[in-house]
PDB file of all heavy atoms in Angstrom:
ATOM      1  N   LYS A   1       8.509 -24.569  -0.979  1.00  0.00           N
ATOM      2  CA  LYS A   1       8.138 -23.682  -2.080  1.00  0.00           C
ATOM      3  C   LYS A   1       6.859 -22.940  -1.702  1.00  0.00           C
ATOM      4  O   LYS A   1       6.010 -23.475  -0.993  1.00  0.00           O
ATOM      5  CB  LYS A   1       7.924 -24.483  -3.365  1.00  0.00           C
ATOM      6  CG  LYS A   1       9.180 -25.189  -3.872  1.00  0.00           C
ATOM      7  CD  LYS A   1       8.913 -25.950  -5.161  1.00  0.00           C
ATOM      8  CE  LYS A   1      10.168 -26.670  -5.646  1.00  0.00           C
ATOM      9  NZ  LYS A   1       9.944 -27.413  -6.906  1.00  0.00           N
ATOM     10  N   ASN A   2       6.726 -21.708  -2.167  1.00  0.00           N
ATOM     11  CA  ASN A   2       5.560 -20.896  -1.821  1.00  0.00           C
ATOM     12  C   ASN A   2       5.082 -20.143  -3.067  1.00  0.00           C
ATOM     13  O   ASN A   2       5.302 -18.935  -3.203  1.00  0.00           O
ATOM     14  CB  ASN A   2       5.896 -19.919  -0.689  1.00  0.00           C
ATOM     15  CG  ASN A   2       4.678 -19.287  -0.061  1.00  0.00           C
ATOM     16  OD1 ASN A   2       3.616 -19.224  -0.679  1.00  0.00           O
ATOM     17  ND2 ASN A   2       4.820 -18.787   1.157  1.00  0.00           N
ATOM     18  N   PRO A   3       4.429 -20.844  -3.985  1.00  0.00           N
ATOM     19  CA  PRO A   3       3.978 -20.193  -5.220  1.00  0.00           C
ATOM     20  C   PRO A   3       2.953 -19.091  -4.968  1.00  0.00           C
ATOM     21  O   PRO A   3       2.876 -18.138  -5.750  1.00  0.00           O
ATOM     22  CB  PRO A   3       3.375 -21.352  -6.025  1.00  0.00           C
ATOM     23  CG  PRO A   3       3.077 -22.423  -5.018  1.00  0.00           C
ATOM     24  CD  PRO A   3       4.122 -22.289  -3.963  1.00  0.00           C
ATOM     25  N   ASP A   4       2.155 -19.207  -3.907  1.00  0.00           N
ATOM     26  CA  ASP A   4       1.194 -18.148  -3.589  1.00  0.00           C
ATOM     27  C   ASP A   4       1.912 -16.843  -3.256  1.00  0.00           C
ATOM     28  O   ASP A   4       1.489 -15.756  -3.666  1.00  0.00           O
ATOM     29  CB  ASP A   4       0.301 -18.558  -2.419  1.00  0.00           C
ATOM     30  CG  ASP A   4      -0.723 -19.612  -2.809  1.00  0.00           C
ATOM     31  OD1 ASP A   4      -0.949 -19.791  -4.022  1.00  0.00           O
ATOM     32  OD2 ASP A   4      -1.274 -20.266  -1.906  1.00  0.00           O
ATOM     33  N   LEU A   5       3.008 -16.939  -2.499  1.00  0.00           N
ATOM     34  CA  LEU A   5       3.788 -15.743  -2.181  1.00  0.00           C
ATOM     35  C   LEU A   5       4.415 -15.166  -3.447  1.00  0.00           C
ATOM     36  O   LEU A   5       4.460 -13.946  -3.628  1.00  0.00           O
ATOM     37  CB  LEU A   5       4.864 -16.063  -1.146  1.00  0.00           C
ATOM     38  CG  LEU A   5       5.785 -14.901  -0.757  1.00  0.00           C
ATOM     39  CD1 LEU A   5       4.998 -13.728  -0.181  1.00  0.00           C
ATOM     40  CD2 LEU A   5       6.862 -15.359   0.228  1.00  0.00           C
ATOM     41  N   ALA A   6       4.918 -16.032  -4.308  1.00  0.00           N
ATOM     42  CA  ALA A   6       5.475 -15.560  -5.585  1.00  0.00           C
ATOM     43  C   ALA A   6       4.430 -14.772  -6.364  1.00  0.00           C
ATOM     44  O   ALA A   6       4.734 -13.736  -6.973  1.00  0.00           O
ATOM     45  CB  ALA A   6       5.983 -16.750  -6.405  1.00  0.00           C
ATOM     46  N   LYS A   7       3.181 -15.256  -6.351  1.00  0.00           N
ATOM     47  CA  LYS A   7       2.090 -14.543  -7.034  1.00  0.00           C
ATOM     48  C   LYS A   7       1.883 -13.157  -6.427  1.00  0.00           C
ATOM     49  O   LYS A   7       1.756 -12.156  -7.163  1.00  0.00           O
ATOM     50  CB  LYS A   7       0.804 -15.357  -6.926  1.00  0.00           C
ATOM     51  CG  LYS A   7      -0.416 -14.692  -7.539  1.00  0.00           C
ATOM     52  CD  LYS A   7      -1.654 -15.567  -7.411  1.00  0.00           C
ATOM     53  CE  LYS A   7      -2.175 -15.625  -5.986  1.00  0.00           C
ATOM     54  NZ  LYS A   7      -3.438 -16.384  -5.876  1.00  0.00           N
ATOM     55  N   THR A   8       1.847 -13.089  -5.101  1.00  0.00           N
ATOM     56  CA  THR A   8       1.631 -11.799  -4.430  1.00  0.00           C
ATOM     57  C   THR A   8       2.768 -10.835  -4.730  1.00  0.00           C
ATOM     58  O   THR A   8       2.551  -9.654  -5.048  1.00  0.00           O
ATOM     59  CB  THR A   8       1.511 -11.996  -2.906  1.00  0.00           C
ATOM     60  OG1 THR A   8       0.445 -12.914  -2.640  1.00  0.00           O
ATOM     61  CG2 THR A   8       1.229 -10.679  -2.206  1.00  0.00           C
ATOM     62  N   LEU A   9       4.007 -11.313  -4.650  1.00  0.00           N
ATOM     63  CA  LEU A   9       5.161 -10.454  -4.928  1.00  0.00           C
ATOM     64  C   LEU A   9       5.153  -9.973  -6.374  1.00  0.00           C
ATOM     65  O   LEU A   9       5.534  -8.830  -6.660  1.00  0.00           O
ATOM     66  CB  LEU A   9       6.456 -11.204  -4.624  1.00  0.00           C
ATOM     67  CG  LEU A   9       6.722 -11.536  -3.153  1.00  0.00           C
ATOM     68  CD1 LEU A   9       7.988 -12.383  -3.014  1.00  0.00           C
ATOM     69  CD2 LEU A   9       6.835 -10.278  -2.311  1.00  0.00           C
ATOM     70  N   THR A  10       4.725 -10.831  -7.285  1.00  0.00           N
ATOM     71  CA  THR A  10       4.648 -10.442  -8.690  1.00  0.00           C
ATOM     72  C   THR A  10       3.627  -9.325  -8.885  1.00  0.00           C
ATOM     73  O   THR A  10       3.853  -8.373  -9.651  1.00  0.00           O
ATOM     74  CB  THR A  10       4.282 -11.658  -9.564  1.00  0.00           C
ATOM     75  OG1 THR A  10       5.289 -12.662  -9.417  1.00  0.00           O
ATOM     76  CG2 THR A  10       4.172 -11.262 -11.027  1.00  0.00           C
ATOM     77  N   MET A  11       2.500  -9.408  -8.177  1.00  0.00           N
ATOM     78  CA  MET A  11       1.482  -8.360  -8.275  1.00  0.00           C
ATOM     79  C   MET A  11       2.025  -7.029  -7.761  1.00  0.00           C
ATOM     80  O   MET A  11       1.786  -5.973  -8.362  1.00  0.00           O
ATOM     81  CB  MET A  11       0.240  -8.781  -7.479  1.00  0.00           C
ATOM     82  CG  MET A  11      -0.490  -9.988  -8.059  1.00  0.00           C
ATOM     83  SD  MET A  11      -1.764 -10.660  -6.954  1.00  0.00           S
ATOM     84  CE  MET A  11      -2.967  -9.328  -7.006  1.00  0.00           C
ATOM     85  N   ILE A  12       2.780  -7.070  -6.657  1.00  0.00           N
ATOM     86  CA  ILE A  12       3.373  -5.838  -6.121  1.00  0.00           C
ATOM     87  C   ILE A  12       4.434  -5.302  -7.074  1.00  0.00           C
ATOM     88  O   ILE A  12       4.525  -4.094  -7.320  1.00  0.00           O
ATOM     89  CB  ILE A  12       3.970  -6.098  -4.730  1.00  0.00           C
ATOM     90  CG1 ILE A  12       2.865  -6.489  -3.742  1.00  0.00           C
ATOM     91  CG2 ILE A  12       4.732  -4.870  -4.219  1.00  0.00           C
ATOM     92  CD1 ILE A  12       3.379  -7.023  -2.408  1.00  0.00           C
ATOM     93  N   ARG A  13       5.227  -6.212  -7.626  1.00  0.00           N
ATOM     94  CA  ARG A  13       6.254  -5.797  -8.599  1.00  0.00           C
ATOM     95  C   ARG A  13       5.628  -5.065  -9.776  1.00  0.00           C
ATOM     96  O   ARG A  13       6.126  -4.029 -10.220  1.00  0.00           O
ATOM     97  CB  ARG A  13       7.008  -7.033  -9.087  1.00  0.00           C
ATOM     98  CG  ARG A  13       8.098  -6.735 -10.125  1.00  0.00           C
ATOM     99  CD  ARG A  13       8.510  -7.990 -10.863  1.00  0.00           C
ATOM    100  NE  ARG A  13       7.423  -8.494 -11.708  1.00  0.00           N
ATOM    101  CZ  ARG A  13       7.459  -9.658 -12.368  1.00  0.00           C
ATOM    102  NH1 ARG A  13       8.518 -10.456 -12.247  1.00  0.00           N
ATOM    103  NH2 ARG A  13       6.442 -10.026 -13.126  1.00  0.00           N
ATOM    104  N   ASP A  14       4.524  -5.581 -10.258  1.00  0.00           N
ATOM    105  CA  ASP A  14       3.929  -5.044 -11.475  1.00  0.00           C
ATOM    106  C   ASP A  14       3.050  -3.819 -11.219  1.00  0.00           C
ATOM    107  O   ASP A  14       2.923  -2.950 -12.100  1.00  0.00           O
ATOM    108  CB  ASP A  14       3.097  -6.124 -12.173  1.00  0.00           C
ATOM    109  CG  ASP A  14       3.960  -7.272 -12.691  1.00  0.00           C
ATOM    110  OD1 ASP A  14       5.188  -7.091 -12.791  1.00  0.00           O
ATOM    111  OD2 ASP A  14       3.405  -8.350 -12.971  1.00  0.00           O
ATOM    112  N   ASN A  15       2.439  -3.718 -10.034  1.00  0.00           N
ATOM    113  CA  ASN A  15       1.438  -2.670  -9.802  1.00  0.00           C
ATOM    114  C   ASN A  15       1.670  -1.832  -8.549  1.00  0.00           C
ATOM    115  O   ASN A  15       0.830  -1.001  -8.215  1.00  0.00           O
ATOM    116  CB  ASN A  15       0.042  -3.305  -9.745  1.00  0.00           C
ATOM    117  CG  ASN A  15      -0.333  -3.988 -11.046  1.00  0.00           C
ATOM    118  OD1 ASN A  15      -0.486  -3.332 -12.074  1.00  0.00           O
ATOM    119  ND2 ASN A  15      -0.461  -5.315 -11.025  1.00  0.00           N
ATOM    120  N   GLY A  16       2.788  -2.042  -7.866  1.00  0.00           N
ATOM    121  CA  GLY A  16       3.125  -1.198  -6.726  1.00  0.00           C
ATOM    122  C   GLY A  16       2.275  -1.467  -5.497  1.00  0.00           C
ATOM    123  O   GLY A  16       1.634  -2.517  -5.358  1.00  0.00           O
ATOM    124  N   ALA A  17       2.237  -0.481  -4.590  1.00  0.00           N
ATOM    125  CA  ALA A  17       1.589  -0.643  -3.289  1.00  0.00           C
ATOM    126  C   ALA A  17       0.093  -0.904  -3.414  1.00  0.00           C
ATOM    127  O   ALA A  17      -0.493  -1.613  -2.581  1.00  0.00           O
ATOM    128  CB  ALA A  17       1.839   0.587  -2.418  1.00  0.00           C
ATOM    129  N   ASP A  18      -0.552  -0.354  -4.434  1.00  0.00           N
ATOM    130  CA  ASP A  18      -1.999  -0.547  -4.583  1.00  0.00           C
ATOM    131  C   ASP A  18      -2.363  -2.018  -4.752  1.00  0.00           C
ATOM    132  O   ASP A  18      -3.470  -2.437  -4.392  1.00  0.00           O
ATOM    133  CB  ASP A  18      -2.523   0.253  -5.773  1.00  0.00           C
ATOM    134  CG  ASP A  18      -2.705   1.734  -5.443  1.00  0.00           C
ATOM    135  OD1 ASP A  18      -2.549   2.094  -4.257  1.00  0.00           O
ATOM    136  OD2 ASP A  18      -2.989   2.518  -6.365  1.00  0.00           O
ATOM    137  N   ALA A  19      -1.433  -2.803  -5.288  1.00  0.00           N
ATOM    138  CA  ALA A  19      -1.700  -4.228  -5.459  1.00  0.00           C
ATOM    139  C   ALA A  19      -1.852  -4.942  -4.121  1.00  0.00           C
ATOM    140  O   ALA A  19      -2.478  -6.008  -4.041  1.00  0.00           O
ATOM    141  CB  ALA A  19      -0.575  -4.881  -6.259  1.00  0.00           C
ATOM    142  N   PHE A  20      -1.299  -4.349  -3.073  1.00  0.00           N
ATOM    143  CA  PHE A  20      -1.364  -4.946  -1.737  1.00  0.00           C
ATOM    144  C   PHE A  20      -2.450  -4.311  -0.881  1.00  0.00           C
ATOM    145  O   PHE A  20      -3.194  -5.012  -0.182  1.00  0.00           O
ATOM    146  CB  PHE A  20      -0.002  -4.793  -1.053  1.00  0.00           C
ATOM    147  CG  PHE A  20       0.111  -5.481   0.282  1.00  0.00           C
ATOM    148  CD1 PHE A  20       0.353  -6.849   0.366  1.00  0.00           C
ATOM    149  CD2 PHE A  20      -0.016  -4.765   1.464  1.00  0.00           C
ATOM    150  CE1 PHE A  20       0.470  -7.477   1.592  1.00  0.00           C
ATOM    151  CE2 PHE A  20       0.088  -5.383   2.695  1.00  0.00           C
ATOM    152  CZ  PHE A  20       0.334  -6.750   2.753  1.00  0.00           C
ATOM    153  N   TYR A  21      -2.560  -2.986  -0.928  1.00  0.00           N
ATOM    154  CA  TYR A  21      -3.459  -2.261  -0.024  1.00  0.00           C
ATOM    155  C   TYR A  21      -4.869  -2.066  -0.578  1.00  0.00           C
ATOM    156  O   TYR A  21      -5.753  -1.589   0.130  1.00  0.00           O
ATOM    157  CB  TYR A  21      -2.840  -0.911   0.344  1.00  0.00           C
ATOM    158  CG  TYR A  21      -1.619  -1.055   1.225  1.00  0.00           C
ATOM    159  CD1 TYR A  21      -0.345  -1.091   0.668  1.00  0.00           C
ATOM    160  CD2 TYR A  21      -1.738  -1.186   2.600  1.00  0.00           C
ATOM    161  CE1 TYR A  21       0.785  -1.244   1.459  1.00  0.00           C
ATOM    162  CE2 TYR A  21      -0.618  -1.333   3.404  1.00  0.00           C
ATOM    163  CZ  TYR A  21       0.644  -1.365   2.837  1.00  0.00           C
ATOM    164  OH  TYR A  21       1.762  -1.519   3.633  1.00  0.00           O
ATOM    165  N   LYS A  22      -5.068  -2.420  -1.832  1.00  0.00           N
ATOM    166  CA  LYS A  22      -6.387  -2.325  -2.462  1.00  0.00           C
ATOM    167  C   LYS A  22      -6.607  -3.588  -3.294  1.00  0.00           C
ATOM    168  O   LYS A  22      -5.679  -4.341  -3.569  1.00  0.00           O
ATOM    169  CB  LYS A  22      -6.477  -1.072  -3.351  1.00  0.00           C
ATOM    170  CG  LYS A  22      -6.247   0.245  -2.599  1.00  0.00           C
ATOM    171  CD  LYS A  22      -6.249   1.439  -3.554  1.00  0.00           C
ATOM    172  CE  LYS A  22      -5.971   2.734  -2.810  1.00  0.00           C
ATOM    173  NZ  LYS A  22      -5.931   3.917  -3.725  1.00  0.00           N
ATOM    174  N   GLY A  23      -7.835  -3.825  -3.685  1.00  0.00           N
ATOM    175  CA  GLY A  23      -8.105  -4.928  -4.585  1.00  0.00           C
ATOM    176  C   GLY A  23      -8.135  -6.284  -3.906  1.00  0.00           C
ATOM    177  O   GLY A  23      -8.409  -6.413  -2.717  1.00  0.00           O
ATOM    178  N   GLU A  24      -7.814  -7.338  -4.690  1.00  0.00           N
ATOM    179  CA  GLU A  24      -8.056  -8.703  -4.243  1.00  0.00           C
ATOM    180  C   GLU A  24      -7.187  -9.130  -3.060  1.00  0.00           C
ATOM    181  O   GLU A  24      -7.641  -9.886  -2.191  1.00  0.00           O
ATOM    182  CB  GLU A  24      -7.870  -9.684  -5.404  1.00  0.00           C
ATOM    183  CG  GLU A  24      -6.459  -9.741  -5.981  1.00  0.00           C
ATOM    184  CD  GLU A  24      -6.354 -10.723  -7.145  1.00  0.00           C
ATOM    185  OE1 GLU A  24      -6.692 -10.337  -8.282  1.00  0.00           O
ATOM    186  OE2 GLU A  24      -5.937 -11.880  -6.891  1.00  0.00           O
ATOM    187  N   VAL A  25      -5.933  -8.660  -2.995  1.00  0.00           N
ATOM    188  CA  VAL A  25      -5.085  -9.027  -1.859  1.00  0.00           C
ATOM    189  C   VAL A  25      -5.632  -8.408  -0.573  1.00  0.00           C
ATOM    190  O   VAL A  25      -5.736  -9.071   0.465  1.00  0.00           O
ATOM    191  CB  VAL A  25      -3.625  -8.595  -2.097  1.00  0.00           C
ATOM    192  CG1 VAL A  25      -2.765  -8.951  -0.883  1.00  0.00           C
ATOM    193  CG2 VAL A  25      -3.061  -9.249  -3.343  1.00  0.00           C
ATOM    194  N   ALA A  26      -6.001  -7.141  -0.640  1.00  0.00           N
ATOM    195  CA  ALA A  26      -6.578  -6.467   0.524  1.00  0.00           C
ATOM    196  C   ALA A  26      -7.873  -7.154   0.960  1.00  0.00           C
ATOM    197  O   ALA A  26      -8.129  -7.345   2.154  1.00  0.00           O
ATOM    198  CB  ALA A  26      -6.830  -4.993   0.213  1.00  0.00           C
ATOM    199  N   GLU A  27      -8.708  -7.529  -0.024  1.00  0.00           N
ATOM    200  CA  GLU A  27      -9.959  -8.211   0.300  1.00  0.00           C
ATOM    201  C   GLU A  27      -9.691  -9.544   1.001  1.00  0.00           C
ATOM    202  O   GLU A  27     -10.401  -9.916   1.951  1.00  0.00           O
ATOM    203  CB  GLU A  27     -10.773  -8.436  -0.978  1.00  0.00           C
ATOM    204  CG  GLU A  27     -11.342  -7.146  -1.568  1.00  0.00           C
ATOM    205  CD  GLU A  27     -11.933  -7.340  -2.958  1.00  0.00           C
ATOM    206  OE1 GLU A  27     -11.815  -8.479  -3.497  1.00  0.00           O
ATOM    207  OE2 GLU A  27     -12.492  -6.385  -3.514  1.00  0.00           O
ATOM    208  N   ALA A  28      -8.664 -10.251   0.552  1.00  0.00           N
ATOM    209  CA  ALA A  28      -8.322 -11.533   1.181  1.00  0.00           C
ATOM    210  C   ALA A  28      -7.812 -11.329   2.603  1.00  0.00           C
ATOM    211  O   ALA A  28      -8.118 -12.128   3.507  1.00  0.00           O
ATOM    212  CB  ALA A  28      -7.274 -12.263   0.338  1.00  0.00           C
ATOM    213  N   MET A  29      -7.031 -10.266   2.838  1.00  0.00           N
ATOM    214  CA  MET A  29      -6.562  -9.966   4.193  1.00  0.00           C
ATOM    215  C   MET A  29      -7.731  -9.678   5.122  1.00  0.00           C
ATOM    216  O   MET A  29      -7.821 -10.223   6.231  1.00  0.00           O
ATOM    217  CB  MET A  29      -5.602  -8.769   4.167  1.00  0.00           C
ATOM    218  CG  MET A  29      -4.198  -9.086   3.732  1.00  0.00           C
ATOM    219  SD  MET A  29      -3.047  -7.715   4.042  1.00  0.00           S
ATOM    220  CE  MET A  29      -3.300  -6.724   2.581  1.00  0.00           C
ATOM    221  N   VAL A  30      -8.615  -8.805   4.682  1.00  0.00           N
ATOM    222  CA  VAL A  30      -9.767  -8.420   5.505  1.00  0.00           C
ATOM    223  C   VAL A  30     -10.642  -9.638   5.804  1.00  0.00           C
ATOM    224  O   VAL A  30     -11.078  -9.845   6.950  1.00  0.00           O
ATOM    225  CB  VAL A  30     -10.583  -7.308   4.807  1.00  0.00           C
ATOM    226  CG1 VAL A  30     -11.915  -7.091   5.519  1.00  0.00           C
ATOM    227  CG2 VAL A  30      -9.778  -6.008   4.771  1.00  0.00           C
ATOM    228  N   LYS A  31     -10.883 -10.458   4.800  1.00  0.00           N
ATOM    229  CA  LYS A  31     -11.698 -11.658   4.984  1.00  0.00           C
ATOM    230  C   LYS A  31     -11.071 -12.591   6.014  1.00  0.00           C
ATOM    231  O   LYS A  31     -11.749 -13.075   6.938  1.00  0.00           O
ATOM    232  CB  LYS A  31     -11.865 -12.383   3.653  1.00  0.00           C
ATOM    233  CG  LYS A  31     -12.733 -13.648   3.694  1.00  0.00           C
ATOM    234  CD  LYS A  31     -12.926 -14.194   2.285  1.00  0.00           C
ATOM    235  CE  LYS A  31     -13.873 -15.399   2.272  1.00  0.00           C
ATOM    236  NZ  LYS A  31     -13.239 -16.593   2.861  1.00  0.00           N
ATOM    237  N   ALA A  32      -9.764 -12.851   5.886  1.00  0.00           N
ATOM    238  CA  ALA A  32      -9.084 -13.773   6.799  1.00  0.00           C
ATOM    239  C   ALA A  32      -9.084 -13.252   8.226  1.00  0.00           C
ATOM    240  O   ALA A  32      -9.318 -14.002   9.177  1.00  0.00           O
ATOM    241  CB  ALA A  32      -7.654 -14.018   6.316  1.00  0.00           C
ATOM    242  N   VAL A  33      -8.829 -11.959   8.376  1.00  0.00           N
ATOM    243  CA  VAL A  33      -8.774 -11.374   9.714  1.00  0.00           C
ATOM    244  C   VAL A  33     -10.158 -11.351  10.359  1.00  0.00           C
ATOM    245  O   VAL A  33     -10.332 -11.733  11.524  1.00  0.00           O
ATOM    246  CB  VAL A  33      -8.179  -9.944   9.664  1.00  0.00           C
ATOM    247  CG1 VAL A  33      -8.347  -9.237  11.005  1.00  0.00           C
ATOM    248  CG2 VAL A  33      -6.700 -10.007   9.289  1.00  0.00           C
ATOM    249  N   GLN A  34     -11.164 -10.921   9.625  1.00  0.00           N
ATOM    250  CA  GLN A  34     -12.509 -10.820  10.194  1.00  0.00           C
ATOM    251  C   GLN A  34     -13.092 -12.197  10.500  1.00  0.00           C
ATOM    252  O   GLN A  34     -13.786 -12.377  11.513  1.00  0.00           O
ATOM    253  CB  GLN A  34     -13.430 -10.040   9.257  1.00  0.00           C
ATOM    254  CG  GLN A  34     -13.071  -8.552   9.161  1.00  0.00           C
ATOM    255  CD  GLN A  34     -14.114  -7.732   8.431  1.00  0.00           C
ATOM    256  OE1 GLN A  34     -15.137  -8.241   7.975  1.00  0.00           O
ATOM    257  NE2 GLN A  34     -13.856  -6.432   8.309  1.00  0.00           N
ATOM    258  N   GLU A  35     -12.803 -13.197   9.659  1.00  0.00           N
ATOM    259  CA  GLU A  35     -13.289 -14.549   9.941  1.00  0.00           C
ATOM    260  C   GLU A  35     -12.659 -15.117  11.206  1.00  0.00           C
ATOM    261  O   GLU A  35     -13.209 -16.043  11.815  1.00  0.00           O
ATOM    262  CB  GLU A  35     -13.012 -15.470   8.751  1.00  0.00           C
ATOM    263  CG  GLU A  35     -13.935 -15.225   7.565  1.00  0.00           C
ATOM    264  CD  GLU A  35     -13.665 -16.167   6.413  1.00  0.00           C
ATOM    265  OE1 GLU A  35     -12.624 -16.867   6.444  1.00  0.00           O
ATOM    266  OE2 GLU A  35     -14.493 -16.207   5.474  1.00  0.00           O
ATOM    267  N   SER A  36     -11.512 -14.541  11.618  1.00  0.00           N
ATOM    268  CA  SER A  36     -10.841 -14.977  12.835  1.00  0.00           C
ATOM    269  C   SER A  36     -11.097 -14.028  14.002  1.00  0.00           C
ATOM    270  O   SER A  36     -10.365 -14.025  14.982  1.00  0.00           O
ATOM    271  CB  SER A  36      -9.330 -15.098  12.581  1.00  0.00           C
ATOM    272  OG  SER A  36      -8.668 -15.640  13.706  1.00  0.00           O
ATOM    273  N   GLY A  37     -12.140 -13.195  13.875  1.00  0.00           N
ATOM    274  CA  GLY A  37     -12.546 -12.359  14.995  1.00  0.00           C
ATOM    275  C   GLY A  37     -11.963 -10.969  15.019  1.00  0.00           C
ATOM    276  O   GLY A  37     -12.197 -10.215  15.975  1.00  0.00           O
ATOM    277  N   GLY A  38     -11.206 -10.584  13.987  1.00  0.00           N
ATOM    278  CA  GLY A  38     -10.583  -9.264  13.956  1.00  0.00           C
ATOM    279  C   GLY A  38     -11.481  -8.205  13.344  1.00  0.00           C
ATOM    280  O   GLY A  38     -12.594  -8.491  12.888  1.00  0.00           O
ATOM    281  N   ILE A  39     -10.984  -6.971  13.302  1.00  0.00           N
ATOM    282  CA  ILE A  39     -11.800  -5.843  12.848  1.00  0.00           C
ATOM    283  C   ILE A  39     -11.154  -5.068  11.698  1.00  0.00           C
ATOM    284  O   ILE A  39     -11.573  -3.962  11.376  1.00  0.00           O
ATOM    285  CB  ILE A  39     -12.102  -4.878  14.013  1.00  0.00           C
ATOM    286  CG1 ILE A  39     -10.796  -4.346  14.624  1.00  0.00           C
ATOM    287  CG2 ILE A  39     -12.950  -5.570  15.076  1.00  0.00           C
ATOM    288  CD1 ILE A  39     -11.013  -3.256  15.665  1.00  0.00           C
ATOM    289  N   LEU A  40     -10.106  -5.620  11.081  1.00  0.00           N
ATOM    290  CA  LEU A  40      -9.441  -4.955   9.960  1.00  0.00           C
ATOM    291  C   LEU A  40     -10.436  -4.709   8.825  1.00  0.00           C
ATOM    292  O   LEU A  40     -11.241  -5.583   8.506  1.00  0.00           O
ATOM    293  CB  LEU A  40      -8.284  -5.812   9.457  1.00  0.00           C
ATOM    294  CG  LEU A  40      -7.382  -5.218   8.376  1.00  0.00           C
ATOM    295  CD1 LEU A  40      -6.524  -4.100   8.953  1.00  0.00           C
ATOM    296  CD2 LEU A  40      -6.492  -6.300   7.763  1.00  0.00           C
ATOM    297  N   THR A  41     -10.363  -3.502   8.211  1.00  0.00           N
ATOM    298  CA  THR A  41     -11.266  -3.152   7.117  1.00  0.00           C
ATOM    299  C   THR A  41     -10.481  -2.730   5.876  1.00  0.00           C
ATOM    300  O   THR A  41      -9.285  -2.429   5.949  1.00  0.00           O
ATOM    301  CB  THR A  41     -12.196  -1.990   7.515  1.00  0.00           C
ATOM    302  OG1 THR A  41     -11.398  -0.799   7.686  1.00  0.00           O
ATOM    303  CG2 THR A  41     -12.948  -2.299   8.801  1.00  0.00           C
TER     304      THR A  41
END
């Protein structure tokens, strides 16, 4: 089971692409990538 993924998909369902490319999901992506040595912004 992956309730975290269900949460993310629900956010995209309700708010479209901005729910993924902006806001808290985007911030979490950038944080995870940069903490692992990446340069995503």
